[in-house]
PDB file of N, CA and C in Angstrom:
ATOM      1  N   MET A   1      43.427   4.840 -31.683  1.00  0.00           N
ATOM      2  CA  MET A   1      41.963   4.602 -31.902  1.00  0.00           C
ATOM      3  C   MET A   1      41.332   5.914 -31.849  1.00  0.00           C
ATOM      4  N   ASN A   2      40.132   6.277 -32.892  1.00  0.00           N
ATOM      5  CA  ASN A   2      39.587   7.484 -33.090  1.00  0.00           C
ATOM      6  C   ASN A   2      38.401   7.574 -32.228  1.00  0.00           C
ATOM      7  N   THR A   3      37.881   8.379 -31.307  1.00  0.00           N
ATOM      8  CA  THR A   3      36.636   8.114 -30.597  1.00  0.00           C
ATOM      9  C   THR A   3      35.815   9.342 -31.178  1.00  0.00           C
ATOM     10  N   TYR A   4      34.654   9.305 -31.620  1.00  0.00           N
ATOM     11  CA  TYR A   4      33.695  10.269 -32.117  1.00  0.00           C
ATOM     12  C   TYR A   4      32.539  10.394 -31.098  1.00  0.00           C
ATOM     13  N   ASN A   5      32.179  11.796 -31.023  1.00  0.00           N
ATOM     14  CA  ASN A   5      31.141  12.068 -30.317  1.00  0.00           C
ATOM     15  C   ASN A   5      29.840  11.860 -30.950  1.00  0.00           C
ATOM     16  N   ILE A   6      28.837  11.038 -30.897  1.00  0.00           N
ATOM     17  CA  ILE A   6      27.610  10.785 -31.583  1.00  0.00           C
ATOM     18  C   ILE A   6      26.616  11.825 -31.272  1.00  0.00           C
ATOM     19  N   ASN A   7      26.172  11.785 -30.106  1.00  0.00           N
ATOM     20  CA  ASN A   7      24.963  12.693 -29.333  1.00  0.00           C
ATOM     21  C   ASN A   7      25.969  13.590 -28.627  1.00  0.00           C
ATOM     22  N   LYS A   8      25.222  14.824 -28.580  1.00  0.00           N
ATOM     23  CA  LYS A   8      25.886  15.976 -27.922  1.00  0.00           C
ATOM     24  C   LYS A   8      25.083  16.447 -26.449  1.00  0.00           C
ATOM     25  N   GLY A   9      24.053  15.679 -26.079  1.00  0.00           N
ATOM     26  CA  GLY A   9      23.231  15.992 -24.939  1.00  0.00           C
ATOM     27  C   GLY A   9      21.884  15.341 -24.918  1.00  0.00           C
ATOM     28  N   ILE A  10      21.147  15.475 -23.687  1.00  0.00           N
ATOM     29  CA  ILE A  10      20.040  14.893 -23.721  1.00  0.00           C
ATOM     30  C   ILE A  10      18.870  15.905 -24.416  1.00  0.00           C
ATOM     31  N   GLY A  11      17.945  15.043 -25.230  1.00  0.00           N
ATOM     32  CA  GLY A  11      17.211  16.034 -25.989  1.00  0.00           C
ATOM     33  C   GLY A  11      17.413  16.651 -27.310  1.00  0.00           C
ATOM     34  N   ARG A  12      18.621  16.586 -27.575  1.00  0.00           N
ATOM     35  CA  ARG A  12      19.190  16.928 -28.787  1.00  0.00           C
ATOM     36  C   ARG A  12      19.142  15.720 -29.943  1.00  0.00           C
ATOM     37  N   THR A  13      18.943  16.230 -31.236  1.00  0.00           N
ATOM     38  CA  THR A  13      18.823  15.268 -32.102  1.00  0.00           C
ATOM     39  C   THR A  13      20.418  14.605 -32.365  1.00  0.00           C
ATOM     40  N   VAL A  14      20.309  13.460 -32.949  1.00  0.00           N
ATOM     41  CA  VAL A  14      21.530  12.541 -33.255  1.00  0.00           C
ATOM     42  C   VAL A  14      22.306  13.219 -34.132  1.00  0.00           C
ATOM     43  N   GLU A  15      23.381  13.218 -34.168  1.00  0.00           N
ATOM     44  CA  GLU A  15      24.502  14.222 -35.224  1.00  0.00           C
ATOM     45  C   GLU A  15      25.770  13.407 -35.363  1.00  0.00           C
ATOM     46  N   PHE A  16      26.251  13.411 -36.365  1.00  0.00           N
ATOM     47  CA  PHE A  16      27.328  12.451 -36.635  1.00  0.00           C
ATOM     48  C   PHE A  16      28.032  13.098 -37.849  1.00  0.00           C
ATOM     49  N   LYS A  17      29.343  13.631 -37.863  1.00  0.00           N
ATOM     50  CA  LYS A  17      29.933  14.311 -38.891  1.00  0.00           C
ATOM     51  C   LYS A  17      29.098  15.173 -39.665  1.00  0.00           C
ATOM     52  N   GLY A  18      28.277  15.832 -38.990  1.00  0.00           N
ATOM     53  CA  GLY A  18      27.500  16.994 -39.729  1.00  0.00           C
ATOM     54  C   GLY A  18      26.217  16.458 -40.366  1.00  0.00           C
ATOM     55  N   LEU A  19      25.827  15.232 -40.307  1.00  0.00           N
ATOM     56  CA  LEU A  19      24.519  14.500 -40.620  1.00  0.00           C
ATOM     57  C   LEU A  19      23.604  14.760 -39.553  1.00  0.00           C
ATOM     58  N   LYS A  20      22.473  15.271 -39.604  1.00  0.00           N
ATOM     59  CA  LYS A  20      21.516  15.285 -38.659  1.00  0.00           C
ATOM     60  C   LYS A  20      20.262  14.347 -38.782  1.00  0.00           C
ATOM     61  N   ALA A  21      19.714  13.792 -37.926  1.00  0.00           N
ATOM     62  CA  ALA A  21      18.578  13.211 -37.817  1.00  0.00           C
ATOM     63  C   ALA A  21      18.180  12.150 -38.970  1.00  0.00           C
ATOM     64  N   GLN A  22      17.285  12.625 -39.567  1.00  0.00           N
ATOM     65  CA  GLN A  22      16.963  11.355 -40.842  1.00  0.00           C
ATOM     66  C   GLN A  22      17.956  11.291 -41.933  1.00  0.00           C
ATOM     67  N   TYR A  23      18.850  12.112 -42.299  1.00  0.00           N
ATOM     68  CA  TYR A  23      19.867  11.888 -43.061  1.00  0.00           C
ATOM     69  C   TYR A  23      20.827  11.027 -42.564  1.00  0.00           C
ATOM     70  N   LEU A  24      21.116  10.890 -41.402  1.00  0.00           N
ATOM     71  CA  LEU A  24      21.865   9.895 -40.693  1.00  0.00           C
ATOM     72  C   LEU A  24      21.555   8.694 -41.139  1.00  0.00           C
ATOM     73  N   PHE A  25      20.471   8.250 -40.839  1.00  0.00           N
ATOM     74  CA  PHE A  25      19.632   6.945 -41.099  1.00  0.00           C
ATOM     75  C   PHE A  25      19.672   6.577 -42.759  1.00  0.00           C
ATOM     76  N   LEU A  26      19.380   7.739 -43.348  1.00  0.00           N
ATOM     77  CA  LEU A  26      19.088   7.443 -44.977  1.00  0.00           C
ATOM     78  C   LEU A  26      20.692   7.232 -45.467  1.00  0.00           C
ATOM     79  N   PHE A  27      21.692   7.737 -44.743  1.00  0.00           N
ATOM     80  CA  PHE A  27      22.923   7.385 -45.214  1.00  0.00           C
ATOM     81  C   PHE A  27      23.351   6.099 -44.916  1.00  0.00           C
ATOM     82  N   ALA A  28      23.044   5.589 -43.652  1.00  0.00           N
ATOM     83  CA  ALA A  28      23.499   4.320 -43.375  1.00  0.00           C
ATOM     84  C   ALA A  28      22.502   3.279 -44.202  1.00  0.00           C
ATOM     85  N   GLY A  29      21.523   3.517 -44.129  1.00  0.00           N
ATOM     86  CA  GLY A  29      20.529   2.397 -45.178  1.00  0.00           C
ATOM     87  C   GLY A  29      20.972   2.423 -46.740  1.00  0.00           C
ATOM     88  N   GLY A  30      21.443   3.782 -47.022  1.00  0.00           N
ATOM     89  CA  GLY A  30      22.041   3.703 -48.408  1.00  0.00           C
ATOM     90  C   GLY A  30      23.327   2.841 -48.598  1.00  0.00           C
ATOM     91  N   LEU A  31      23.991   3.089 -47.484  1.00  0.00           N
ATOM     92  CA  LEU A  31      25.430   2.397 -47.719  1.00  0.00           C
ATOM     93  C   LEU A  31      25.189   0.803 -47.451  1.00  0.00           C
ATOM     94  N   LEU A  32      24.232   0.502 -46.805  1.00  0.00           N
ATOM     95  CA  LEU A  32      23.960  -1.120 -46.724  1.00  0.00           C
ATOM     96  C   LEU A  32      23.317  -1.478 -47.679  1.00  0.00           C
ATOM     97  N   GLY A  33      22.492  -0.709 -48.226  1.00  0.00           N
ATOM     98  CA  GLY A  33      21.940  -1.170 -49.546  1.00  0.00           C
ATOM     99  C   GLY A  33      23.049  -1.306 -50.501  1.00  0.00           C
ATOM    100  N   MET A  34      23.842  -0.546 -50.775  1.00  0.00           N
ATOM    101  CA  MET A  34      24.901  -0.572 -51.825  1.00  0.00           C
ATOM    102  C   MET A  34      25.761  -1.710 -51.484  1.00  0.00           C
ATOM    103  N   LEU A  35      26.155  -1.955 -50.350  1.00  0.00           N
ATOM    104  CA  LEU A  35      26.957  -3.263 -49.811  1.00  0.00           C
ATOM    105  C   LEU A  35      26.295  -4.499 -50.280  1.00  0.00           C
ATOM    106  N   ILE A  36      25.120  -4.733 -49.976  1.00  0.00           N
ATOM    107  CA  ILE A  36      24.122  -5.713 -50.462  1.00  0.00           C
ATOM    108  C   ILE A  36      24.312  -5.912 -52.006  1.00  0.00           C
ATOM    109  N   LEU A  37      23.982  -4.851 -52.839  1.00  0.00           N
ATOM    110  CA  LEU A  37      23.923  -5.043 -54.264  1.00  0.00           C
ATOM    111  C   LEU A  37      25.219  -5.290 -54.665  1.00  0.00           C
ATOM    112  N   ILE A  38      26.355  -4.786 -54.134  1.00  0.00           N
ATOM    113  CA  ILE A  38      27.638  -5.229 -54.516  1.00  0.00           C
ATOM    114  C   ILE A  38      28.050  -6.845 -54.270  1.00  0.00           C
ATOM    115  N   MET A  39      27.373  -7.152 -53.309  1.00  0.00           N
ATOM    116  CA  MET A  39      27.636  -8.621 -52.790  1.00  0.00           C
ATOM    117  C   MET A  39      26.745  -9.312 -53.915  1.00  0.00           C
ATOM    118  N   ILE A  40      25.539  -8.925 -54.128  1.00  0.00           N
ATOM    119  CA  ILE A  40      24.898  -9.829 -55.107  1.00  0.00           C
ATOM    120  C   ILE A  40      25.420  -9.902 -56.450  1.00  0.00           C
ATOM    121  N   LEU A  41      25.847  -8.663 -56.793  1.00  0.00           N
ATOM    122  CA  LEU A  41      26.518  -8.708 -58.167  1.00  0.00           C
ATOM    123  C   LEU A  41      27.936  -9.447 -58.457  1.00  0.00           C
ATOM    124  N   TYR A  42      28.613  -9.552 -57.138  1.00  0.00           N
ATOM    125  CA  TYR A  42      29.898 -10.308 -57.249  1.00  0.00           C
ATOM    126  C   TYR A  42      29.462 -11.631 -56.958  1.00  0.00           C
ATOM    127  N   MET A  43      28.513 -12.224 -56.397  1.00  0.00           N
ATOM    128  CA  MET A  43      28.389 -13.694 -56.306  1.00  0.00           C
ATOM    129  C   MET A  43      27.602 -13.969 -57.655  1.00  0.00           C
ATOM    130  N   THR A  44      26.892 -13.333 -58.401  1.00  0.00           N
ATOM    131  CA  THR A  44      26.466 -13.544 -59.579  1.00  0.00           C
ATOM    132  C   THR A  44      27.373 -13.877 -60.626  1.00  0.00           C
ATOM    133  N   GLY A  45      28.598 -13.362 -60.500  1.00  0.00           N
ATOM    134  CA  GLY A  45      29.700 -13.506 -61.505  1.00  0.00           C
ATOM    135  C   GLY A  45      30.071 -12.149 -62.271  1.00  0.00           C
ATOM    136  N   VAL A  46      29.672 -11.107 -61.800  1.00  0.00           N
ATOM    137  CA  VAL A  46      29.874  -9.869 -62.530  1.00  0.00           C
ATOM    138  C   VAL A  46      31.220  -9.509 -62.375  1.00  0.00           C
ATOM    139  N   ASN A  47      31.970  -8.973 -63.482  1.00  0.00           N
ATOM    140  CA  ASN A  47      33.471  -8.742 -63.069  1.00  0.00           C
ATOM    141  C   ASN A  47      33.738  -7.915 -62.087  1.00  0.00           C
ATOM    142  N   SER A  48      34.877  -8.011 -61.303  1.00  0.00           N
ATOM    143  CA  SER A  48      35.364  -7.628 -60.070  1.00  0.00           C
ATOM    144  C   SER A  48      35.320  -5.914 -60.255  1.00  0.00           C
ATOM    145  N   TYR A  49      36.106  -5.624 -61.283  1.00  0.00           N
ATOM    146  CA  TYR A  49      36.287  -4.120 -61.601  1.00  0.00           C
ATOM    147  C   TYR A  49      35.052  -3.312 -61.977  1.00  0.00           C
ATOM    148  N   LEU A  50      33.923  -4.029 -62.524  1.00  0.00           N
ATOM    149  CA  LEU A  50      32.675  -3.357 -62.783  1.00  0.00           C
ATOM    150  C   LEU A  50      32.077  -3.369 -61.255  1.00  0.00           C
ATOM    151  N   CYS A  51      32.061  -4.212 -60.362  1.00  0.00           N
ATOM    152  CA  CYS A  51      31.461  -4.124 -59.046  1.00  0.00           C
ATOM    153  C   CYS A  51      32.297  -3.019 -58.380  1.00  0.00           C
ATOM    154  N   LEU A  52      33.612  -2.962 -58.308  1.00  0.00           N
ATOM    155  CA  LEU A  52      34.283  -1.959 -57.838  1.00  0.00           C
ATOM    156  C   LEU A  52      33.964  -0.518 -58.161  1.00  0.00           C
ATOM    157  N   PHE A  53      33.935  -0.263 -59.501  1.00  0.00           N
ATOM    158  CA  PHE A  53      33.227   0.718 -60.105  1.00  0.00           C
ATOM    159  C   PHE A  53      32.034   1.290 -59.546  1.00  0.00           C
ATOM    160  N   ILE A  54      31.115   0.354 -59.490  1.00  0.00           N
ATOM    161  CA  ILE A  54      29.760   0.419 -59.130  1.00  0.00           C
ATOM    162  C   ILE A  54      29.775   0.884 -57.918  1.00  0.00           C
ATOM    163  N   GLY A  55      30.436   0.062 -56.735  1.00  0.00           N
ATOM    164  CA  GLY A  55      30.604   0.343 -55.497  1.00  0.00           C
ATOM    165  C   GLY A  55      30.978   1.922 -55.162  1.00  0.00           C
ATOM    166  N   ILE A  56      32.261   2.280 -55.657  1.00  0.00           N
ATOM    167  CA  ILE A  56      32.594   3.519 -55.463  1.00  0.00           C
ATOM    168  C   ILE A  56      31.829   4.641 -56.112  1.00  0.00           C
ATOM    169  N   GLY A  57      31.345   4.293 -57.188  1.00  0.00           N
ATOM    170  CA  GLY A  57      30.550   5.309 -57.966  1.00  0.00           C
ATOM    171  C   GLY A  57      29.018   5.772 -57.145  1.00  0.00           C
ATOM    172  N   GLY A  58      28.483   4.667 -56.754  1.00  0.00           N
ATOM    173  CA  GLY A  58      27.207   4.541 -55.931  1.00  0.00           C
ATOM    174  C   GLY A  58      27.488   5.244 -54.834  1.00  0.00           C
ATOM    175  N   GLY A  59      28.452   4.843 -53.988  1.00  0.00           N
ATOM    176  CA  GLY A  59      28.762   5.335 -52.585  1.00  0.00           C
ATOM    177  C   GLY A  59      29.108   6.894 -52.725  1.00  0.00           C
ATOM    178  N   SER A  60      30.065   7.227 -53.428  1.00  0.00           N
ATOM    179  CA  SER A  60      30.362   8.669 -53.575  1.00  0.00           C
ATOM    180  C   SER A  60      28.911   9.723 -54.128  1.00  0.00           C
ATOM    181  N   LEU A  61      28.142   8.812 -54.773  1.00  0.00           N
ATOM    182  CA  LEU A  61      26.860   9.680 -55.238  1.00  0.00           C
ATOM    183  C   LEU A  61      26.125   9.568 -54.115  1.00  0.00           C
ATOM    184  N   LEU A  62      26.037   8.853 -53.179  1.00  0.00           N
ATOM    185  CA  LEU A  62      25.112   8.623 -51.960  1.00  0.00           C
ATOM    186  C   LEU A  62      25.749   9.529 -51.000  1.00  0.00           C
ATOM    187  N   VAL A  63      27.039   9.663 -50.739  1.00  0.00           N
ATOM    188  CA  VAL A  63      27.545  10.637 -49.744  1.00  0.00           C
ATOM    189  C   VAL A  63      27.266  12.198 -50.344  1.00  0.00           C
ATOM    190  N   TRP A  64      27.426  12.308 -51.652  1.00  0.00           N
ATOM    191  CA  TRP A  64      27.366  13.795 -52.131  1.00  0.00           C
ATOM    192  C   TRP A  64      25.748  14.132 -52.033  1.00  0.00           C
ATOM    193  N   GLN A  65      24.880  13.003 -52.328  1.00  0.00           N
ATOM    194  CA  GLN A  65      23.181  13.566 -52.363  1.00  0.00           C
ATOM    195  C   GLN A  65      23.053  13.694 -50.753  1.00  0.00           C
ATOM    196  N   THR A  66      23.615  12.978 -49.940  1.00  0.00           N
ATOM    197  CA  THR A  66      22.996  13.034 -48.592  1.00  0.00           C
ATOM    198  C   THR A  66      23.511  14.255 -47.904  1.00  0.00           C
ATOM    199  N   PHE A  67      24.651  14.431 -48.018  1.00  0.00           N
ATOM    200  CA  PHE A  67      25.073  15.811 -47.552  1.00  0.00           C
ATOM    201  C   PHE A  67      24.537  17.039 -48.068  1.00  0.00           C
ATOM    202  N   SER A  68      24.257  17.164 -49.278  1.00  0.00           N
ATOM    203  CA  SER A  68      23.526  18.389 -50.070  1.00  0.00           C
ATOM    204  C   SER A  68      22.170  18.297 -49.548  1.00  0.00           C
ATOM    205  N   LEU A  69      21.434  17.345 -49.219  1.00  0.00           N
ATOM    206  CA  LEU A  69      20.242  17.190 -48.741  1.00  0.00           C
ATOM    207  C   LEU A  69      20.135  18.035 -47.281  1.00  0.00           C
ATOM    208  N   ASN A  70      21.241  17.510 -46.553  1.00  0.00           N
ATOM    209  CA  ASN A  70      21.362  17.896 -45.378  1.00  0.00           C
ATOM    210  C   ASN A  70      21.612  19.365 -45.248  1.00  0.00           C
ATOM    211  N   LYS A  71      22.562  19.696 -46.224  1.00  0.00           N
ATOM    212  CA  LYS A  71      22.647  21.333 -46.428  1.00  0.00           C
ATOM    213  C   LYS A  71      21.493  22.142 -46.737  1.00  0.00           C
ATOM    214  N   LYS A  72      20.766  21.599 -47.717  1.00  0.00           N
ATOM    215  CA  LYS A  72      19.695  22.271 -48.422  1.00  0.00           C
ATOM    216  C   LYS A  72      18.437  22.454 -47.443  1.00  0.00           C
ATOM    217  N   TYR A  73      17.994  21.305 -46.761  1.00  0.00           N
ATOM    218  CA  TYR A  73      16.726  21.291 -46.070  1.00  0.00           C
ATOM    219  C   TYR A  73      16.965  21.504 -44.635  1.00  0.00           C
ATOM    220  N   GLY A  74      18.224  21.130 -43.969  1.00  0.00           N
ATOM    221  CA  GLY A  74      18.293  21.178 -42.642  1.00  0.00           C
ATOM    222  C   GLY A  74      17.930  20.036 -41.865  1.00  0.00           C
ATOM    223  N   GLU A  75      17.579  20.119 -40.571  1.00  0.00           N
ATOM    224  CA  GLU A  75      17.402  18.784 -39.861  1.00  0.00           C
ATOM    225  C   GLU A  75      15.928  18.287 -39.904  1.00  0.00           C
ATOM    226  N   HIS A  76      14.894  19.385 -40.075  1.00  0.00           N
ATOM    227  CA  HIS A  76      13.657  18.626 -40.279  1.00  0.00           C
ATOM    228  C   HIS A  76      12.897  18.945 -41.601  1.00  0.00           C
ATOM    229  N   GLY A  77      13.728  19.623 -42.429  1.00  0.00           N
ATOM    230  CA  GLY A  77      13.232  20.434 -43.836  1.00  0.00           C
ATOM    231  C   GLY A  77      12.725  19.003 -44.820  1.00  0.00           C
ATOM    232  N   LEU A  78      13.354  18.037 -44.721  1.00  0.00           N
ATOM    233  CA  LEU A  78      12.809  17.052 -45.668  1.00  0.00           C
ATOM    234  C   LEU A  78      11.745  16.359 -45.399  1.00  0.00           C
ATOM    235  N   MET A  79      11.403  16.281 -43.950  1.00  0.00           N
ATOM    236  CA  MET A  79      10.123  15.737 -43.511  1.00  0.00           C
ATOM    237  C   MET A  79       8.975  16.784 -44.022  1.00  0.00           C
ATOM    238  N   LYS A  80       9.351  18.161 -43.548  1.00  0.00           N
ATOM    239  CA  LYS A  80       8.254  19.173 -44.117  1.00  0.00           C
ATOM    240  C   LYS A  80       8.101  19.147 -45.393  1.00  0.00           C
ATOM    241  N   VAL A  81       9.017  18.899 -46.429  1.00  0.00           N
ATOM    242  CA  VAL A  81       8.671  19.045 -47.825  1.00  0.00           C
ATOM    243  C   VAL A  81       7.832  17.858 -48.435  1.00  0.00           C
ATOM    244  N   GLY A  82       8.130  16.609 -47.474  1.00  0.00           N
ATOM    245  CA  GLY A  82       7.395  15.650 -47.693  1.00  0.00           C
ATOM    246  C   GLY A  82       5.828  15.767 -47.321  1.00  0.00           C
ATOM    247  N   ALA A  83       5.830  16.371 -46.188  1.00  0.00           N
ATOM    248  CA  ALA A  83       4.384  16.587 -45.761  1.00  0.00           C
ATOM    249  C   ALA A  83       3.701  17.603 -46.475  1.00  0.00           C
ATOM    250  N   ASN A  84       4.377  18.516 -47.000  1.00  0.00           N
ATOM    251  CA  ASN A  84       3.603  19.674 -48.211  1.00  0.00           C
ATOM    252  C   ASN A  84       3.430  19.166 -49.348  1.00  0.00           C
ATOM    253  N   LYS A  85       3.883  17.827 -49.860  1.00  0.00           N
ATOM    254  CA  LYS A  85       3.330  17.309 -51.179  1.00  0.00           C
ATOM    255  C   LYS A  85       2.160  16.449 -50.606  1.00  0.00           C
ATOM    256  N   ARG A  86       1.873  16.012 -49.609  1.00  0.00           N
ATOM    257  CA  ARG A  86       0.521  15.371 -49.140  1.00  0.00           C
ATOM    258  C   ARG A  86      -0.417  16.115 -49.057  1.00  0.00           C
ATOM    259  N   HIS A  87      -0.592  17.434 -48.712  1.00  0.00           N
ATOM    260  CA  HIS A  87      -1.410  18.724 -48.612  1.00  0.00           C
ATOM    261  C   HIS A  87      -1.951  18.814 -50.001  1.00  0.00           C
ATOM    262  N   PRO A  88      -3.384  19.280 -50.072  1.00  0.00           N
ATOM    263  CA  PRO A  88      -3.840  19.471 -51.414  1.00  0.00           C
ATOM    264  C   PRO A  88      -3.728  20.760 -51.818  1.00  0.00           C
ATOM    265  N   ARG A  89      -3.402  21.272 -53.135  1.00  0.00           N
ATOM    266  CA  ARG A  89      -3.114  22.433 -53.553  1.00  0.00           C
ATOM    267  C   ARG A  89      -4.355  23.477 -53.256  1.00  0.00           C
ATOM    268  N   TYR A  90      -5.512  22.864 -53.812  1.00  0.00           N
ATOM    269  CA  TYR A  90      -6.932  23.509 -53.622  1.00  0.00           C
ATOM    270  C   TYR A  90      -7.883  22.497 -52.959  1.00  0.00           C
ATOM    271  N   ILE A  91      -9.196  23.019 -52.449  1.00  0.00           N
ATOM    272  CA  ILE A  91     -10.011  22.028 -52.235  1.00  0.00           C
ATOM    273  C   ILE A  91     -11.255  22.199 -53.185  1.00  0.00           C
ATOM    274  N   ILE A  92     -11.248  20.769 -53.719  1.00  0.00           N
ATOM    275  CA  ILE A  92     -12.526  20.761 -54.756  1.00  0.00           C
ATOM    276  C   ILE A  92     -13.802  20.732 -54.090  1.00  0.00           C
ATOM    277  N   CYS A  93     -14.943  21.429 -54.462  1.00  0.00           N
ATOM    278  CA  CYS A  93     -16.356  21.579 -53.732  1.00  0.00           C
ATOM    279  C   CYS A  93     -17.249  21.022 -54.960  1.00  0.00           C
ATOM    280  N   ARG A  94     -17.790  19.807 -54.861  1.00  0.00           N
ATOM    281  CA  ARG A  94     -18.537  19.345 -55.917  1.00  0.00           C
ATOM    282  C   ARG A  94     -20.025  19.629 -55.791  1.00  0.00           C
ATOM    283  N   LYS A  95     -20.403  20.027 -54.702  1.00  0.00           N
ATOM    284  CA  LYS A  95     -21.765  20.562 -54.173  1.00  0.00           C
ATOM    285  C   LYS A  95     -22.301  21.569 -54.886  1.00  0.00           C
ATOM    286  N   PRO A  96     -23.634  21.485 -55.348  1.00  0.00           N
ATOM    287  CA  PRO A  96     -24.075  22.844 -55.823  1.00  0.00           C
ATOM    288  C   PRO A  96     -23.973  23.757 -54.725  1.00  0.00           C
ATOM    289  N   VAL A  97     -23.900  25.166 -55.209  1.00  0.00           N
ATOM    290  CA  VAL A  97     -23.825  26.413 -54.320  1.00  0.00           C
ATOM    291  C   VAL A  97     -25.136  26.541 -53.366  1.00  0.00           C
ATOM    292  N   HIS A  98     -26.172  26.226 -53.894  1.00  0.00           N
ATOM    293  CA  HIS A  98     -27.616  26.275 -52.913  1.00  0.00           C
ATOM    294  C   HIS A  98     -27.664  25.436 -51.631  1.00  0.00           C
ATOM    295  N   ARG A  99     -26.716  24.377 -51.902  1.00  0.00           N
ATOM    296  CA  ARG A  99     -26.802  23.407 -50.766  1.00  0.00           C
ATOM    297  C   ARG A  99     -26.114  24.015 -49.561  1.00  0.00           C
ATOM    298  N   TYR A 100     -25.152  24.799 -49.904  1.00  0.00           N
ATOM    299  CA  TYR A 100     -24.617  25.605 -48.798  1.00  0.00           C
ATOM    300  C   TYR A 100     -25.352  26.759 -47.955  1.00  0.00           C
ATOM    301  N   PHE A 101     -26.406  26.993 -48.641  1.00  0.00           N
ATOM    302  CA  PHE A 101     -27.452  28.191 -48.166  1.00  0.00           C
ATOM    303  C   PHE A 101     -28.439  27.592 -47.345  1.00  0.00           C
ATOM    304  N   LYS A 102     -28.793  26.438 -47.400  1.00  0.00           N
ATOM    305  CA  LYS A 102     -29.978  25.786 -46.701  1.00  0.00           C
ATOM    306  C   LYS A 102     -29.941  25.701 -45.441  1.00  0.00           C
ATOM    307  N   PHE A 103     -30.780  26.557 -44.684  1.00  0.00           N
ATOM    308  CA  PHE A 103     -30.726  26.370 -43.281  1.00  0.00           C
ATOM    309  C   PHE A 103     -31.771  25.569 -42.693  1.00  0.00           C
ATOM    310  N   LYS A 104     -31.567  24.800 -41.789  1.00  0.00           N
ATOM    311  CA  LYS A 104     -32.578  23.763 -40.980  1.00  0.00           C
ATOM    312  C   LYS A 104     -32.836  24.421 -39.584  1.00  0.00           C
ATOM    313  N   SER A 105     -34.079  24.305 -39.566  1.00  0.00           N
ATOM    314  CA  SER A 105     -34.787  25.019 -38.231  1.00  0.00           C
ATOM    315  C   SER A 105     -34.577  23.724 -37.159  1.00  0.00           C
ATOM    316  N   LYS A 106     -34.162  24.377 -35.983  1.00  0.00           N
ATOM    317  CA  LYS A 106     -33.914  23.675 -34.806  1.00  0.00           C
ATOM    318  C   LYS A 106     -35.250  23.351 -34.054  1.00  0.00           C
ATOM    319  N   LEU A 107     -36.094  22.467 -34.476  1.00  0.00           N
ATOM    320  CA  LEU A 107     -37.390  22.044 -33.882  1.00  0.00           C
ATOM    321  C   LEU A 107     -37.420  20.760 -33.198  1.00  0.00           C
TER     322      LEU A 107
END
């Protein structure tokens, strides 16, 4: 029986076979989703070979994409990319310019 080290210490991120942090959860969720999809397809009467082909193809695509994202963005890079997309590229100011130069007296 093989034993795998999942966590390498206190305070460090979870790592399994090179996948770190959110990629591990993305990978596990994707495989679970593929399993449920294949089960639904099989129960609805789709050809077994087609289910097998979809399962193997989708699983290998999932593995390939997850490991490539892990290699490209690193441990926290995918979250940084997502946060960067939420920031505006520029700030739109719709007030007239003279509104910024009005000074109010403190009386």
